Amino acid sequence: MNIYLAGDAYAKQVFSYFDYDFNRLDSFYYINKETTKNIKRYKKYMLDSGAFTFIMSKKKVRIDIDGFTDRYIEYIKNNDIDLFFEMDVDKIFGYEKVKQLRKKIESKTQKQSIPVFHTNRGLNDWIAMCKDYDYIALGIAGKDVSWGDWKAFYKFVMSAKEYNCKVHGLGITGMNSLEKVPFHSVDSSSWTAGNRYKTVFHFDGNSCKAQNHLNLNSKRIKNHLGLALHNFNQWKKFSEYMENQITA
């Protein structure tokens, strides 16, 4: 299973410290010159449109979705990106618009995007995606809590396997799901939780567990950069361990 590390707590310092030797998921919404120049340095690279930002924003985000999609397309082409998600904006613009933008992206890049499935589309849409695509994603962005527990993920991933289709879990990094569901890949920004919620992570050889305090080996971590470096290192170790585990 490939784990792509997302998020950007002290990213420039943290990523350079580890020489970009990890799998990375970037959000196009936050792309800048610094992130662009390092794309080829990562082990594996994925690009998301940043639609999650629009969905979760407490403020009303006004955007020309067609213009934004055009810029997304050009970025993919200019940087020769192979793994990228569709414009996952069902909750704002509706599924028909998503399909229109998907067709536009694939036509202009001459590559398949990674479409993102939401449960409200129904099982028939899932099966159709499995037949038409080599790589698809399960989306849990926003308030879509209809998946329930890991058992629902397992059923969908195993059905995709029947069609030789790989599945990415968008933001699905609960340890139960990772230990029991054979995703091909997932992404996580959990390593940044230390700087947001005062959490320390520890990789115990099998999983990455959180401790809800700022102590490590009886010593207090005194600075935010140090905390980011520590947590990132634990998730990097976990991702390297998971690369040798179950994969669909």
Protein backbone atom coordinates (compact mmCIF):
# COMPACT_ATOMS: atom_id res chain seq x y z
CA MET A 1 0.00 0.00 0.00
CA ASN A 2 1.33 3.41 -0.97
CA ILE A 3 0.78 6.23 1.52
CA TYR A 4 1.05 9.73 0.08
CA LEU A 5 1.85 12.40 2.67
CA ALA A 6 -0.16 15.60 2.26
CA GLY A 7 -0.26 18.83 4.26
CA ASP A 8 2.36 21.50 4.67
CA ALA A 9 3.34 22.25 8.29
CA TYR A 10 6.83 23.76 7.91
CA ALA A 11 6.93 21.93 4.61
CA LYS A 12 9.99 23.61 3.09
CA GLN A 13 12.19 22.81 6.09
CA VAL A 14 10.69 19.38 6.75
CA PHE A 15 10.72 18.10 3.17
CA SER A 16 14.25 19.30 2.44
CA TYR A 17 15.46 17.72 5.71
CA PHE A 18 14.24 14.34 4.41
CA ASP A 19 15.52 15.11 0.90
CA TYR A 20 11.99 14.72 -0.57
CA ASP A 21 12.38 10.94 -0.28
CA PHE A 22 8.71 10.07 0.24
CA ASN A 23 5.39 9.85 -1.60
CA ARG A 24 3.71 13.25 -1.89
CA LEU A 25 0.19 14.46 -2.58
CA ASP A 26 -0.07 18.18 -3.43
CA SER A 27 -3.13 20.37 -3.74
CA PHE A 28 -3.20 22.47 -6.88
CA TYR A 29 -5.08 25.17 -4.97
CA TYR A 30 -1.92 25.81 -2.91
CA ILE A 31 0.73 25.17 -5.56
CA ASN A 32 3.59 27.68 -5.73
CA LYS A 33 7.03 27.91 -7.34
CA GLU A 34 8.71 26.16 -4.43
CA THR A 35 6.47 23.09 -4.63
CA THR A 36 6.63 22.97 -8.42
CA LYS A 37 10.42 22.89 -8.64
CA ASN A 38 10.59 19.80 -6.41
CA ILE A 39 7.97 17.61 -8.09
CA LYS A 40 10.50 15.26 -9.71
CA ARG A 41 12.36 14.73 -6.44
CA TYR A 42 9.60 12.76 -4.71
CA LYS A 43 9.44 8.97 -4.82
CA LYS A 44 5.87 9.08 -6.14
CA TYR A 45 3.70 12.11 -6.78
CA MET A 46 -0.04 12.76 -6.92
CA LEU A 47 -1.93 15.98 -7.60
CA ASP A 48 -5.34 16.91 -6.24
CA SER A 49 -7.34 19.84 -7.59
CA GLY A 50 -7.89 21.31 -4.13
CA ALA A 51 -11.66 20.89 -4.31
CA PHE A 52 -11.66 19.88 -0.66
CA THR A 53 -10.78 23.50 0.10
CA PHE A 54 -13.93 24.75 -1.59
CA ILE A 55 -16.09 22.18 0.16
CA MET A 56 -14.75 22.72 3.67
CA SER A 57 -14.25 26.48 3.63
CA LYS A 58 -16.34 28.32 6.22
CA LYS A 59 -16.31 31.29 3.90
CA LYS A 60 -18.05 31.32 0.56
CA VAL A 61 -15.36 30.71 -2.04
CA ARG A 62 -16.23 32.20 -5.38
CA ILE A 63 -14.45 30.51 -8.24
CA ASP A 64 -14.64 30.26 -12.00
CA ILE A 65 -14.52 26.47 -12.07
CA ASP A 66 -13.95 26.32 -15.83
CA GLY A 67 -11.03 28.73 -15.65
CA PHE A 68 -9.62 26.90 -12.63
CA THR A 69 -9.88 23.61 -14.53
CA ASP A 70 -8.03 25.11 -17.50
CA ARG A 71 -5.16 26.13 -15.20
CA TYR A 72 -5.19 22.66 -13.62
CA ILE A 73 -4.91 21.09 -17.07
CA GLU A 74 -2.00 23.29 -18.09
CA TYR A 75 -0.17 22.54 -14.86
CA ILE A 76 -0.58 18.79 -15.39
CA LYS A 77 0.71 19.07 -18.96
CA ASN A 78 3.59 21.43 -18.17
CA ASN A 79 4.86 19.25 -15.34
CA ASP A 80 4.15 15.87 -16.97
CA ILE A 81 2.06 14.62 -14.04
CA ASP A 82 0.63 11.13 -14.44
CA LEU A 83 -1.40 10.69 -11.25
CA PHE A 84 -4.03 13.37 -10.76
CA PHE A 85 -7.60 13.46 -9.51
CA GLU A 86 -10.60 14.76 -11.35
CA MET A 87 -12.28 18.02 -10.38
CA ASP A 88 -14.08 16.60 -7.34
CA VAL A 89 -16.74 19.27 -6.89
CA ASP A 90 -20.00 17.30 -6.77
CA LYS A 91 -21.21 19.05 -3.64
CA ILE A 92 -20.92 22.48 -5.23
CA PHE A 93 -21.53 22.08 -8.96
CA GLY A 94 -23.25 18.68 -9.23
CA TYR A 95 -22.18 15.39 -10.78
CA GLU A 96 -23.05 16.31 -14.37
CA LYS A 97 -20.61 19.22 -14.19
CA VAL A 98 -17.98 16.92 -12.70
CA LYS A 99 -18.36 14.53 -15.64
CA GLN A 100 -18.13 17.41 -18.09
CA LEU A 101 -14.92 18.65 -16.48
CA ARG A 102 -13.54 15.10 -16.30
CA LYS A 103 -14.00 14.70 -20.04
CA LYS A 104 -12.35 18.06 -20.67
CA ILE A 105 -9.35 17.24 -18.48
CA GLU A 106 -8.78 13.86 -20.07
CA SER A 107 -9.22 15.16 -23.58
CA LYS A 108 -6.67 17.94 -23.14
CA THR A 109 -4.10 15.99 -21.12
CA GLN A 110 -4.55 12.77 -23.12
CA LYS A 111 -4.39 10.90 -19.81
CA GLN A 112 -6.93 9.28 -17.54
CA SER A 113 -7.70 11.18 -14.38
CA ILE A 114 -8.48 9.41 -11.11
CA PRO A 115 -12.26 9.81 -10.70
CA VAL A 116 -13.62 10.16 -7.18
CA PHE A 117 -16.64 8.13 -6.12
CA HIS A 118 -19.23 9.32 -3.58
CA THR A 119 -21.89 7.00 -2.16
CA ASN A 120 -24.83 9.10 -3.34
CA ARG A 121 -24.00 8.09 -6.95
CA GLY A 122 -25.01 4.49 -6.33
CA LEU A 123 -23.42 1.10 -6.92
CA ASN A 124 -23.97 1.12 -10.69
CA ASP A 125 -21.78 4.19 -11.05
CA TRP A 126 -19.06 2.50 -8.99
CA ILE A 127 -19.10 -0.59 -11.22
CA ALA A 128 -19.01 1.60 -14.35
CA MET A 129 -15.96 3.44 -13.01
CA CYS A 130 -14.23 0.15 -12.20
CA LYS A 131 -14.79 -1.02 -15.78
CA ASP A 132 -13.69 2.22 -17.43
CA TYR A 133 -10.70 3.18 -15.26
CA ASP A 134 -7.51 1.55 -14.00
CA TYR A 135 -7.37 3.71 -10.89
CA ILE A 136 -10.26 5.28 -8.95
CA ALA A 137 -10.78 6.86 -5.53
CA LEU A 138 -13.23 6.70 -2.66
CA GLY A 139 -14.14 10.20 -1.52
CA ILE A 140 -15.03 11.12 2.05
CA ALA A 141 -14.58 14.89 1.78
CA GLY A 142 -16.82 17.27 3.65
CA LYS A 143 -19.74 15.81 5.61
CA ASP A 144 -20.02 12.57 3.62
CA VAL A 145 -20.12 10.17 6.58
CA SER A 146 -22.30 7.59 4.86
CA TRP A 147 -19.44 5.10 4.49
CA GLY A 148 -19.69 3.88 8.05
CA ASP A 149 -16.70 1.77 9.16
CA TRP A 150 -13.89 -0.04 7.35
CA LYS A 151 -16.19 -2.88 6.29
CA ALA A 152 -17.85 -0.66 3.67
CA PHE A 153 -14.46 0.33 2.26
CA TYR A 154 -13.46 -3.33 2.14
CA LYS A 155 -16.50 -4.33 0.07
CA PHE A 156 -15.92 -1.59 -2.48
CA VAL A 157 -12.18 -2.24 -2.78
CA MET A 158 -12.70 -5.97 -3.24
CA SER A 159 -15.36 -5.38 -5.90
CA ALA A 160 -12.93 -3.13 -7.78
CA LYS A 161 -10.33 -5.87 -7.64
CA GLU A 162 -12.66 -8.06 -9.71
CA TYR A 163 -12.15 -5.58 -12.56
CA ASN A 164 -8.38 -5.20 -11.96
CA CYS A 165 -9.02 -1.65 -10.81
CA LYS A 166 -6.82 0.02 -8.17
CA VAL A 167 -8.42 2.10 -5.40
CA HIS A 168 -7.13 5.17 -3.60
CA GLY A 169 -8.62 6.16 -0.24
CA LEU A 170 -8.83 9.95 -0.12
CA GLY A 171 -7.92 10.99 3.40
CA ILE A 172 -8.66 7.50 4.71
CA THR A 173 -5.97 6.84 7.31
CA GLY A 174 -7.77 5.31 10.27
CA MET A 175 -5.59 2.44 11.45
CA ASN A 176 -8.49 -0.04 11.26
CA SER A 177 -9.01 0.78 7.60
CA LEU A 178 -5.32 0.63 6.73
CA GLU A 179 -4.80 -2.69 8.50
CA LYS A 180 -7.88 -4.42 7.07
CA VAL A 181 -8.63 -2.85 3.67
CA PRO A 182 -6.28 -3.59 0.72
CA PHE A 183 -6.21 -0.11 -0.79
CA HIS A 184 -3.62 0.41 -3.49
CA SER A 185 -2.94 3.84 -1.98
CA VAL A 186 -4.20 6.41 0.51
CA ASP A 187 -3.17 9.92 1.47
CA SER A 188 -2.85 11.57 4.85
CA SER A 189 -2.05 14.95 6.37
CA SER A 190 -2.19 13.48 9.89
CA TRP A 191 1.49 14.22 10.46
CA THR A 192 0.53 17.92 10.64
CA ALA A 193 -1.85 17.23 13.56
CA GLY A 194 0.95 17.83 16.03
CA ASN A 195 1.16 21.46 15.08
CA ARG A 196 -2.63 21.84 14.99
CA TYR A 197 -3.71 19.78 17.99
CA LYS A 198 -0.55 19.27 20.09
CA THR A 199 -0.30 15.62 19.09
CA VAL A 200 2.80 13.45 19.01
CA PHE A 201 2.86 10.37 16.76
CA HIS A 202 4.86 7.21 17.30
CA PHE A 203 5.45 4.41 14.79
CA ASP A 204 5.57 1.18 16.82
CA GLY A 205 6.64 -1.09 13.98
CA ASN A 206 3.10 -1.80 12.78
CA SER A 207 1.03 1.36 13.06
CA CYS A 208 1.35 5.06 13.73
CA LYS A 209 -0.33 5.99 17.00
CA ALA A 210 -1.11 9.40 18.43
CA GLN A 211 -0.37 10.57 21.94
CA ASN A 212 -2.41 13.57 23.06
CA HIS A 213 0.38 15.45 24.74
CA LEU A 214 3.70 17.02 23.84
CA ASN A 215 6.05 14.61 25.59
CA LEU A 216 8.35 12.13 23.92
CA ASN A 217 10.71 9.90 25.94
CA SER A 218 9.92 12.06 28.98
CA LYS A 219 11.27 15.14 27.21
CA ARG A 220 9.08 18.01 26.12
CA ILE A 221 9.34 18.99 22.45
CA LYS A 222 10.00 22.71 22.71
CA ASN A 223 9.43 24.04 19.21
CA HIS A 224 6.89 23.58 16.43
CA LEU A 225 9.46 22.78 13.76
CA GLY A 226 10.90 20.04 15.95
CA LEU A 227 7.42 18.64 16.43
CA ALA A 228 6.73 18.71 12.69
CA LEU A 229 10.04 16.95 11.96
CA HIS A 230 9.34 14.26 14.54
CA ASN A 231 5.78 13.56 13.40
CA PHE A 232 6.72 13.57 9.74
CA ASN A 233 9.51 11.08 10.42
CA GLN A 234 7.09 8.73 12.19
CA TRP A 235 4.62 8.86 9.29
CA LYS A 236 7.44 8.42 6.78
CA LYS A 237 8.52 5.26 8.60
CA PHE A 238 4.94 4.04 8.65
CA SER A 239 4.50 4.70 4.92
CA GLU A 240 7.70 2.78 4.15
CA TYR A 241 6.46 -0.15 6.25
CA MET A 242 3.06 -0.13 4.52
CA GLU A 243 4.62 -0.33 1.06
CA ASN A 244 5.34 -3.98 1.80
CA GLN A 245 1.84 -4.71 3.10
CA ILE A 246 -1.48 -5.63 1.46
CA THR A 247 -2.19 -3.97 -1.84
CA ALA A 248 -5.09 -4.22 -4.27
